[in-house]
Amino acid sequence: MADYSHQIDERRELMAIKDETIKNVNEVVDNQMKVVQEIAGLLGETTAQTKVSLLKIVQMLQHEAVNAVTVIPGESKEEKT
């Protein structure tokens, strides 16, 4: 009769190590997903802020271009109003 209790213990230990490894991998992936979502949110916020600033600049330049076209050469804007 052979004693297999040692092999059974080794298999149980190996299964526990595999289970722990799978658990750790899942935690790492979950943490990475959280970080990616945070980064995406921050990028979205800063992109929106940049867009607002650029639109303000474009509006300002358009307003200046319209004013430059409506001013008659030799006449200042103050004289016109």
PDB file of N, CA and C in Angstrom:
ATOM      1  N   MET A   1       0.828  -1.170   0.000  1.00  0.00           N
ATOM      2  CA  MET A   1       0.000   0.000   0.000  1.00  0.00           C
ATOM      3  C   MET A   1       0.885   1.250   0.000  1.00  0.00           C
ATOM      4  N   ALA A   2       0.567   2.254  -0.857  1.00  0.00           N
ATOM      5  CA  ALA A   2       1.391   3.452  -0.993  1.00  0.00           C
ATOM      6  C   ALA A   2       0.701   4.620  -0.300  1.00  0.00           C
ATOM      7  N   ASP A   3       1.540   5.529   0.225  1.00  0.00           N
ATOM      8  CA  ASP A   3       1.019   6.730   0.894  1.00  0.00           C
ATOM      9  C   ASP A   3       1.040   7.899  -0.095  1.00  0.00           C
ATOM     10  N   TYR A   4      -0.140   8.359  -0.491  1.00  0.00           N
ATOM     11  CA  TYR A   4      -0.270   9.459  -1.446  1.00  0.00           C
ATOM     12  C   TYR A   4      -0.617  10.783  -0.772  1.00  0.00           C
ATOM     13  N   SER A   5      -0.627  10.816   0.523  1.00  0.00           N
ATOM     14  CA  SER A   5      -1.028  12.033   1.249  1.00  0.00           C
ATOM     15  C   SER A   5      -0.093  13.206   0.935  1.00  0.00           C
ATOM     16  N   HIS A   6       1.185  12.918   0.725  1.00  0.00           N
ATOM     17  CA  HIS A   6       2.149  13.980   0.401  1.00  0.00           C
ATOM     18  C   HIS A   6       1.796  14.614  -0.957  1.00  0.00           C
ATOM     19  N   GLN A   7       1.465  13.790  -1.945  1.00  0.00           N
ATOM     20  CA  GLN A   7       1.103  14.300  -3.271  1.00  0.00           C
ATOM     21  C   GLN A   7      -0.205  15.090  -3.217  1.00  0.00           C
ATOM     22  N   ILE A   8      -1.133  14.612  -2.421  1.00  0.00           N
ATOM     23  CA  ILE A   8      -2.406  15.322  -2.280  1.00  0.00           C
ATOM     24  C   ILE A   8      -2.169  16.692  -1.648  1.00  0.00           C
ATOM     25  N   ASP A   9      -1.312  16.742  -0.629  1.00  0.00           N
ATOM     26  CA  ASP A   9      -0.977  18.024   0.003  1.00  0.00           C
ATOM     27  C   ASP A   9      -0.320  18.978  -0.984  1.00  0.00           C
ATOM     28  N   GLU A  10       0.579  18.461  -1.822  1.00  0.00           N
ATOM     29  CA  GLU A  10       1.244  19.296  -2.823  1.00  0.00           C
ATOM     30  C   GLU A  10       0.239  19.841  -3.841  1.00  0.00           C
ATOM     31  N   ARG A  11      -0.701  19.002  -4.249  1.00  0.00           N
ATOM     32  CA  ARG A  11      -1.725  19.446  -5.201  1.00  0.00           C
ATOM     33  C   ARG A  11      -2.608  20.525  -4.580  1.00  0.00           C
ATOM     34  N   ARG A  12      -2.968  20.354  -3.334  1.00  0.00           N
ATOM     35  CA  ARG A  12      -3.784  21.360  -2.644  1.00  0.00           C
ATOM     36  C   ARG A  12      -3.029  22.680  -2.530  1.00  0.00           C
ATOM     37  N   GLU A  13      -1.743  22.580  -2.214  1.00  0.00           N
ATOM     38  CA  GLU A  13      -0.923  23.790  -2.103  1.00  0.00           C
ATOM     39  C   GLU A  13      -0.810  24.487  -3.459  1.00  0.00           C
ATOM     40  N   LEU A  14      -0.621  23.696  -4.511  1.00  0.00           N
ATOM     41  CA  LEU A  14      -0.533  24.258  -5.858  1.00  0.00           C
ATOM     42  C   LEU A  14      -1.850  24.917  -6.260  1.00  0.00           C
ATOM     43  N   MET A  15      -2.962  24.294  -5.942  1.00  0.00           N
ATOM     44  CA  MET A  15      -4.274  24.885  -6.237  1.00  0.00           C
ATOM     45  C   MET A  15      -4.463  26.191  -5.477  1.00  0.00           C
ATOM     46  N   ALA A  16      -4.021  26.249  -4.233  1.00  0.00           N
ATOM     47  CA  ALA A  16      -4.139  27.480  -3.443  1.00  0.00           C
ATOM     48  C   ALA A  16      -3.295  28.592  -4.065  1.00  0.00           C
ATOM     49  N   ILE A  17      -2.108  28.243  -4.526  1.00  0.00           N
ATOM     50  CA  ILE A  17      -1.228  29.234  -5.165  1.00  0.00           C
ATOM     51  C   ILE A  17      -1.863  29.729  -6.461  1.00  0.00           C
ATOM     52  N   LYS A  18      -2.442  28.834  -7.239  1.00  0.00           N
ATOM     53  CA  LYS A  18      -3.106  29.231  -8.487  1.00  0.00           C
ATOM     54  C   LYS A  18      -4.281  30.150  -8.193  1.00  0.00           C
ATOM     55  N   ASP A  19      -5.099  29.793  -7.210  1.00  0.00           N
ATOM     56  CA  ASP A  19      -6.246  30.621  -6.847  1.00  0.00           C
ATOM     57  C   ASP A  19      -5.805  32.016  -6.396  1.00  0.00           C
ATOM     58  N   GLU A  20      -4.762  32.068  -5.584  1.00  0.00           N
ATOM     59  CA  GLU A  20      -4.249  33.359  -5.110  1.00  0.00           C
ATOM     60  C   GLU A  20      -3.703  34.193  -6.272  1.00  0.00           C
ATOM     61  N   THR A  21      -3.018  33.537  -7.194  1.00  0.00           N
ATOM     62  CA  THR A  21      -2.474  34.234  -8.364  1.00  0.00           C
ATOM     63  C   THR A  21      -3.592  34.806  -9.225  1.00  0.00           C
ATOM     64  N   ILE A  22      -4.624  34.030  -9.448  1.00  0.00           N
ATOM     65  CA  ILE A  22      -5.769  34.503 -10.236  1.00  0.00           C
ATOM     66  C   ILE A  22      -6.419  35.694  -9.542  1.00  0.00           C
ATOM     67  N   LYS A  23      -6.570  35.614  -8.239  1.00  0.00           N
ATOM     68  CA  LYS A  23      -7.153  36.715  -7.478  1.00  0.00           C
ATOM     69  C   LYS A  23      -6.303  37.977  -7.624  1.00  0.00           C
ATOM     70  N   ASN A  24      -4.991  37.844  -7.512  1.00  0.00           N
ATOM     71  CA  ASN A  24      -4.082  38.990  -7.639  1.00  0.00           C
ATOM     72  C   ASN A  24      -4.137  39.592  -9.038  1.00  0.00           C
ATOM     73  N   VAL A  25      -4.184  38.750 -10.053  1.00  0.00           N
ATOM     74  CA  VAL A  25      -4.250  39.243 -11.437  1.00  0.00           C
ATOM     75  C   VAL A  25      -5.541  40.033 -11.637  1.00  0.00           C
ATOM     76  N   ASN A  26      -6.651  39.518 -11.132  1.00  0.00           N
ATOM     77  CA  ASN A  26      -7.930  40.232 -11.253  1.00  0.00           C
ATOM     78  C   ASN A  26      -7.882  41.587 -10.547  1.00  0.00           C
ATOM     79  N   GLU A  27      -7.255  41.647  -9.396  1.00  0.00           N
ATOM     80  CA  GLU A  27      -7.129  42.918  -8.666  1.00  0.00           C
ATOM     81  C   GLU A  27      -6.293  43.917  -9.452  1.00  0.00           C
ATOM     82  N   VAL A  28      -5.191  43.440 -10.035  1.00  0.00           N
ATOM     83  CA  VAL A  28      -4.323  44.328 -10.817  1.00  0.00           C
ATOM     84  C   VAL A  28      -5.079  44.878 -12.025  1.00  0.00           C
ATOM     85  N   VAL A  29      -5.802  44.023 -12.725  1.00  0.00           N
ATOM     86  CA  VAL A  29      -6.570  44.466 -13.896  1.00  0.00           C
ATOM     87  C   VAL A  29      -7.645  45.467 -13.470  1.00  0.00           C
ATOM     88  N   ASP A  30      -8.333  45.189 -12.372  1.00  0.00           N
ATOM     89  CA  ASP A  30      -9.350  46.121 -11.878  1.00  0.00           C
ATOM     90  C   ASP A  30      -8.746  47.480 -11.547  1.00  0.00           C
ATOM     91  N   ASN A  31      -7.590  47.470 -10.885  1.00  0.00           N
ATOM     92  CA  ASN A  31      -6.919  48.733 -10.544  1.00  0.00           C
ATOM     93  C   ASN A  31      -6.488  49.481 -11.800  1.00  0.00           C
ATOM     94  N   GLN A  32      -5.992  48.763 -12.790  1.00  0.00           N
ATOM     95  CA  GLN A  32      -5.588  49.403 -14.041  1.00  0.00           C
ATOM     96  C   GLN A  32      -6.788  50.033 -14.737  1.00  0.00           C
ATOM     97  N   MET A  33      -7.918  49.356 -14.712  1.00  0.00           N
ATOM     98  CA  MET A  33      -9.126  49.899 -15.340  1.00  0.00           C
ATOM     99  C   MET A  33      -9.578  51.173 -14.623  1.00  0.00           C
ATOM    100  N   LYS A  34      -9.479  51.204 -13.311  1.00  0.00           N
ATOM    101  CA  LYS A  34      -9.848  52.402 -12.564  1.00  0.00           C
ATOM    102  C   LYS A  34      -8.936  53.571 -12.945  1.00  0.00           C
ATOM    103  N   VAL A  35      -7.643  53.297 -13.036  1.00  0.00           N
ATOM    104  CA  VAL A  35      -6.689  54.351 -13.381  1.00  0.00           C
ATOM    105  C   VAL A  35      -6.947  54.857 -14.800  1.00  0.00           C
ATOM    106  N   VAL A  36      -7.215  53.948 -15.716  1.00  0.00           N
ATOM    107  CA  VAL A  36      -7.497  54.340 -17.105  1.00  0.00           C
ATOM    108  C   VAL A  36      -8.739  55.222 -17.156  1.00  0.00           C
ATOM    109  N   GLN A  37      -9.769  54.866 -16.397  1.00  0.00           N
ATOM    110  CA  GLN A  37     -10.988  55.670 -16.381  1.00  0.00           C
ATOM    111  C   GLN A  37     -10.721  57.061 -15.795  1.00  0.00           C
ATOM    112  N   GLU A  38      -9.901  57.129 -14.767  1.00  0.00           N
ATOM    113  CA  GLU A  38      -9.563  58.425 -14.180  1.00  0.00           C
ATOM    114  C   GLU A  38      -8.789  59.282 -15.176  1.00  0.00           C
ATOM    115  N   ILE A  39      -7.830  58.674 -15.855  1.00  0.00           N
ATOM    116  CA  ILE A  39      -7.033  59.408 -16.850  1.00  0.00           C
ATOM    117  C   ILE A  39      -7.933  59.903 -17.981  1.00  0.00           C
ATOM    118  N   ALA A  40      -8.823  59.042 -18.447  1.00  0.00           N
ATOM    119  CA  ALA A  40      -9.734  59.435 -19.529  1.00  0.00           C
ATOM    120  C   ALA A  40     -10.619  60.597 -19.084  1.00  0.00           C
ATOM    121  N   GLY A  41     -11.085  60.553 -17.847  1.00  0.00           N
ATOM    122  CA  GLY A  41     -11.911  61.647 -17.334  1.00  0.00           C
ATOM    123  C   GLY A  41     -11.140  62.950 -17.285  1.00  0.00           C
ATOM    124  N   LEU A  42      -9.897  62.886 -16.799  1.00  0.00           N
ATOM    125  CA  LEU A  42      -9.075  64.097 -16.731  1.00  0.00           C
ATOM    126  C   LEU A  42      -8.775  64.640 -18.122  1.00  0.00           C
ATOM    127  N   LEU A  43      -8.481  63.751 -19.049  1.00  0.00           N
ATOM    128  CA  LEU A  43      -8.222  64.195 -20.421  1.00  0.00           C
ATOM    129  C   LEU A  43      -9.466  64.835 -21.027  1.00  0.00           C
ATOM    130  N   GLY A  44     -10.621  64.258 -20.739  1.00  0.00           N
ATOM    131  CA  GLY A  44     -11.864  64.834 -21.242  1.00  0.00           C
ATOM    132  C   GLY A  44     -12.098  66.228 -20.694  1.00  0.00           C
ATOM    133  N   GLU A  45     -11.845  66.397 -19.397  1.00  0.00           N
ATOM    134  CA  GLU A  45     -12.029  67.709 -18.770  1.00  0.00           C
ATOM    135  C   GLU A  45     -11.086  68.743 -19.370  1.00  0.00           C
ATOM    136  N   THR A  46      -9.819  68.389 -19.480  1.00  0.00           N
ATOM    137  CA  THR A  46      -8.857  69.359 -20.003  1.00  0.00           C
ATOM    138  C   THR A  46      -9.100  69.635 -21.475  1.00  0.00           C
ATOM    139  N   THR A  47      -9.572  68.635 -22.221  1.00  0.00           N
ATOM    140  CA  THR A  47      -9.898  68.851 -23.628  1.00  0.00           C
ATOM    141  C   THR A  47     -11.062  69.824 -23.752  1.00  0.00           C
ATOM    142  N   ALA A  48     -12.055  69.655 -22.902  1.00  0.00           N
ATOM    143  CA  ALA A  48     -13.203  70.577 -22.927  1.00  0.00           C
ATOM    144  C   ALA A  48     -12.765  71.992 -22.572  1.00  0.00           C
ATOM    145  N   GLN A  49     -11.903  72.131 -21.575  1.00  0.00           N
ATOM    146  CA  GLN A  49     -11.409  73.455 -21.195  1.00  0.00           C
ATOM    147  C   GLN A  49     -10.619  74.085 -22.338  1.00  0.00           C
ATOM    148  N   THR A  50      -9.804  73.277 -23.004  1.00  0.00           N
ATOM    149  CA  THR A  50      -9.026  73.775 -24.137  1.00  0.00           C
ATOM    150  C   THR A  50      -9.953  74.230 -25.255  1.00  0.00           C
ATOM    151  N   LYS A  51     -10.992  73.455 -25.517  1.00  0.00           N
ATOM    152  CA  LYS A  51     -11.937  73.818 -26.576  1.00  0.00           C
ATOM    153  C   LYS A  51     -12.614  75.143 -26.266  1.00  0.00           C
ATOM    154  N   VAL A  52     -13.036  75.332 -25.030  1.00  0.00           N
ATOM    155  CA  VAL A  52     -13.682  76.591 -24.642  1.00  0.00           C
ATOM    156  C   VAL A  52     -12.723  77.757 -24.857  1.00  0.00           C
ATOM    157  N   SER A  53     -11.486  77.596 -24.431  1.00  0.00           N
ATOM    158  CA  SER A  53     -10.497  78.666 -24.592  1.00  0.00           C
ATOM    159  C   SER A  53     -10.239  78.968 -26.063  1.00  0.00           C
ATOM    160  N   LEU A  54     -10.109  77.929 -26.862  1.00  0.00           N
ATOM    161  CA  LEU A  54      -9.865  78.134 -28.290  1.00  0.00           C
ATOM    162  C   LEU A  54     -11.056  78.794 -28.972  1.00  0.00           C
ATOM    163  N   LEU A  55     -12.264  78.419 -28.585  1.00  0.00           N
ATOM    164  CA  LEU A  55     -13.443  79.063 -29.163  1.00  0.00           C
ATOM    165  C   LEU A  55     -13.494  80.545 -28.808  1.00  0.00           C
ATOM    166  N   LYS A  56     -13.100  80.888 -27.579  1.00  0.00           N
ATOM    167  CA  LYS A  56     -13.055  82.296 -27.192  1.00  0.00           C
ATOM    168  C   LYS A  56     -12.037  83.060 -28.037  1.00  0.00           C
ATOM    169  N   ILE A  57     -10.894  82.452 -28.274  1.00  0.00           N
ATOM    170  CA  ILE A  57      -9.860  83.082 -29.097  1.00  0.00           C
ATOM    171  C   ILE A  57     -10.375  83.274 -30.524  1.00  0.00           C
ATOM    172  N   VAL A  58     -11.019  82.248 -31.079  1.00  0.00           N
ATOM    173  CA  VAL A  58     -11.558  82.339 -32.436  1.00  0.00           C
ATOM    174  C   VAL A  58     -12.593  83.453 -32.514  1.00  0.00           C
ATOM    175  N   GLN A  59     -13.492  83.532 -31.531  1.00  0.00           N
ATOM    176  CA  GLN A  59     -14.507  84.591 -31.530  1.00  0.00           C
ATOM    177  C   GLN A  59     -13.861  85.966 -31.455  1.00  0.00           C
ATOM    178  N   MET A  60     -12.834  86.083 -30.635  1.00  0.00           N
ATOM    179  CA  MET A  60     -12.148  87.359 -30.509  1.00  0.00           C
ATOM    180  C   MET A  60     -11.497  87.748 -31.834  1.00  0.00           C
ATOM    181  N   LEU A  61     -10.838  86.795 -32.487  1.00  0.00           N
ATOM    182  CA  LEU A  61     -10.198  87.079 -33.764  1.00  0.00           C
ATOM    183  C   LEU A  61     -11.227  87.417 -34.838  1.00  0.00           C
ATOM    184  N   GLN A  62     -12.355  86.718 -34.825  1.00  0.00           N
ATOM    185  CA  GLN A  62     -13.410  87.023 -35.793  1.00  0.00           C
ATOM    186  C   GLN A  62     -13.959  88.427 -35.552  1.00  0.00           C
ATOM    187  N   HIS A  63     -14.151  88.793 -34.307  1.00  0.00           N
ATOM    188  CA  HIS A  63     -14.658  90.128 -33.968  1.00  0.00           C
ATOM    189  C   HIS A  63     -13.666  91.194 -34.433  1.00  0.00           C
ATOM    190  N   GLU A  64     -12.380  90.952 -34.208  1.00  0.00           N
ATOM    191  CA  GLU A  64     -11.355  91.902 -34.650  1.00  0.00           C
ATOM    192  C   GLU A  64     -11.342  92.005 -36.167  1.00  0.00           C
ATOM    193  N   ALA A  65     -11.526  90.871 -36.866  1.00  0.00           N
ATOM    194  CA  ALA A  65     -11.520  90.886 -38.326  1.00  0.00           C
ATOM    195  C   ALA A  65     -12.713  91.676 -38.856  1.00  0.00           C
ATOM    196  N   VAL A  66     -13.869  91.512 -38.253  1.00  0.00           N
ATOM    197  CA  VAL A  66     -15.056  92.260 -38.669  1.00  0.00           C
ATOM    198  C   VAL A  66     -14.842  93.744 -38.423  1.00  0.00           C
ATOM    199  N   ASN A  67     -14.295  94.100 -37.280  1.00  0.00           N
ATOM    200  CA  ASN A  67     -14.037  95.509 -36.966  1.00  0.00           C
ATOM    201  C   ASN A  67     -13.016  96.105 -37.920  1.00  0.00           C
ATOM    202  N   ALA A  68     -12.030  95.340 -38.299  1.00  0.00           N
ATOM    203  CA  ALA A  68     -11.007  95.845 -39.212  1.00  0.00           C
ATOM    204  C   ALA A  68     -11.599  96.105 -40.590  1.00  0.00           C
ATOM    205  N   VAL A  69     -12.545  95.301 -41.002  1.00  0.00           N
ATOM    206  CA  VAL A  69     -13.164  95.467 -42.326  1.00  0.00           C
ATOM    207  C   VAL A  69     -14.135  96.640 -42.325  1.00  0.00           C
ATOM    208  N   THR A  70     -14.824  96.877 -41.224  1.00  0.00           N
ATOM    209  CA  THR A  70     -15.833  97.939 -41.192  1.00  0.00           C
ATOM    210  C   THR A  70     -15.251  99.320 -40.980  1.00  0.00           C
ATOM    211  N   VAL A  71     -13.984  99.431 -40.589  1.00  0.00           N
ATOM    212  CA  VAL A  71     -13.349 100.735 -40.397  1.00  0.00           C
ATOM    213  C   VAL A  71     -12.894 101.254 -41.755  1.00  0.00           C
ATOM    214  N   ILE A  72     -13.300 102.460 -42.080  1.00  0.00           N
ATOM    215  CA  ILE A  72     -12.907 103.090 -43.347  1.00  0.00           C
ATOM    216  C   ILE A  72     -11.494 103.634 -43.188  1.00  0.00           C
ATOM    217  N   PRO A  73     -10.637 103.397 -44.159  1.00  0.00           N
ATOM    218  CA  PRO A  73      -9.264 103.904 -44.046  1.00  0.00           C
ATOM    219  C   PRO A  73      -9.258 105.410 -43.829  1.00  0.00           C
ATOM    220  N   GLY A  74      -8.441 105.851 -42.903  1.00  0.00           N
ATOM    221  CA  GLY A  74      -8.344 107.259 -42.576  1.00  0.00           C
ATOM    222  C   GLY A  74      -9.351 107.678 -41.524  1.00  0.00           C
ATOM    223  N   GLU A  75     -10.245 106.805 -41.144  1.00  0.00           N
ATOM    224  CA  GLU A  75     -11.255 107.113 -40.131  1.00  0.00           C
ATOM    225  C   GLU A  75     -11.033 106.189 -38.937  1.00  0.00           C
ATOM    226  N   SER A  76     -11.008 106.753 -37.768  1.00  0.00           N
ATOM    227  CA  SER A  76     -10.813 105.913 -36.588  1.00  0.00           C
ATOM    228  C   SER A  76     -12.160 105.358 -36.138  1.00  0.00           C
ATOM    229  N   LYS A  77     -12.132 104.340 -35.318  1.00  0.00           N
ATOM    230  CA  LYS A  77     -13.364 103.738 -34.833  1.00  0.00           C
ATOM    231  C   LYS A  77     -14.166 104.719 -33.971  1.00  0.00           C
ATOM    232  N   GLU A  78     -13.475 105.601 -33.253  1.00  0.00           N
ATOM    233  CA  GLU A  78     -14.155 106.570 -32.399  1.00  0.00           C
ATOM    234  C   GLU A  78     -14.933 107.579 -33.227  1.00  0.00           C
ATOM    235  N   GLU A  79     -14.394 107.977 -34.385  1.00  0.00           N
ATOM    236  CA  GLU A  79     -15.069 108.945 -35.233  1.00  0.00           C
ATOM    237  C   GLU A  79     -16.324 108.361 -35.863  1.00  0.00           C
ATOM    238  N   LYS A  80     -16.327 107.067 -36.081  1.00  0.00           N
ATOM    239  CA  LYS A  80     -17.418 106.399 -36.747  1.00  0.00           C
ATOM    240  C   LYS A  80     -18.642 106.306 -35.865  1.00  0.00           C
ATOM    241  N   THR A  81     -18.476 106.122 -34.568  1.00  0.00           N
ATOM    242  CA  THR A  81     -19.620 105.946 -33.663  1.00  0.00           C
ATOM    243  C   THR A  81     -20.189 107.220 -33.176  1.00  0.00           C
TER     244      THR A  81
END
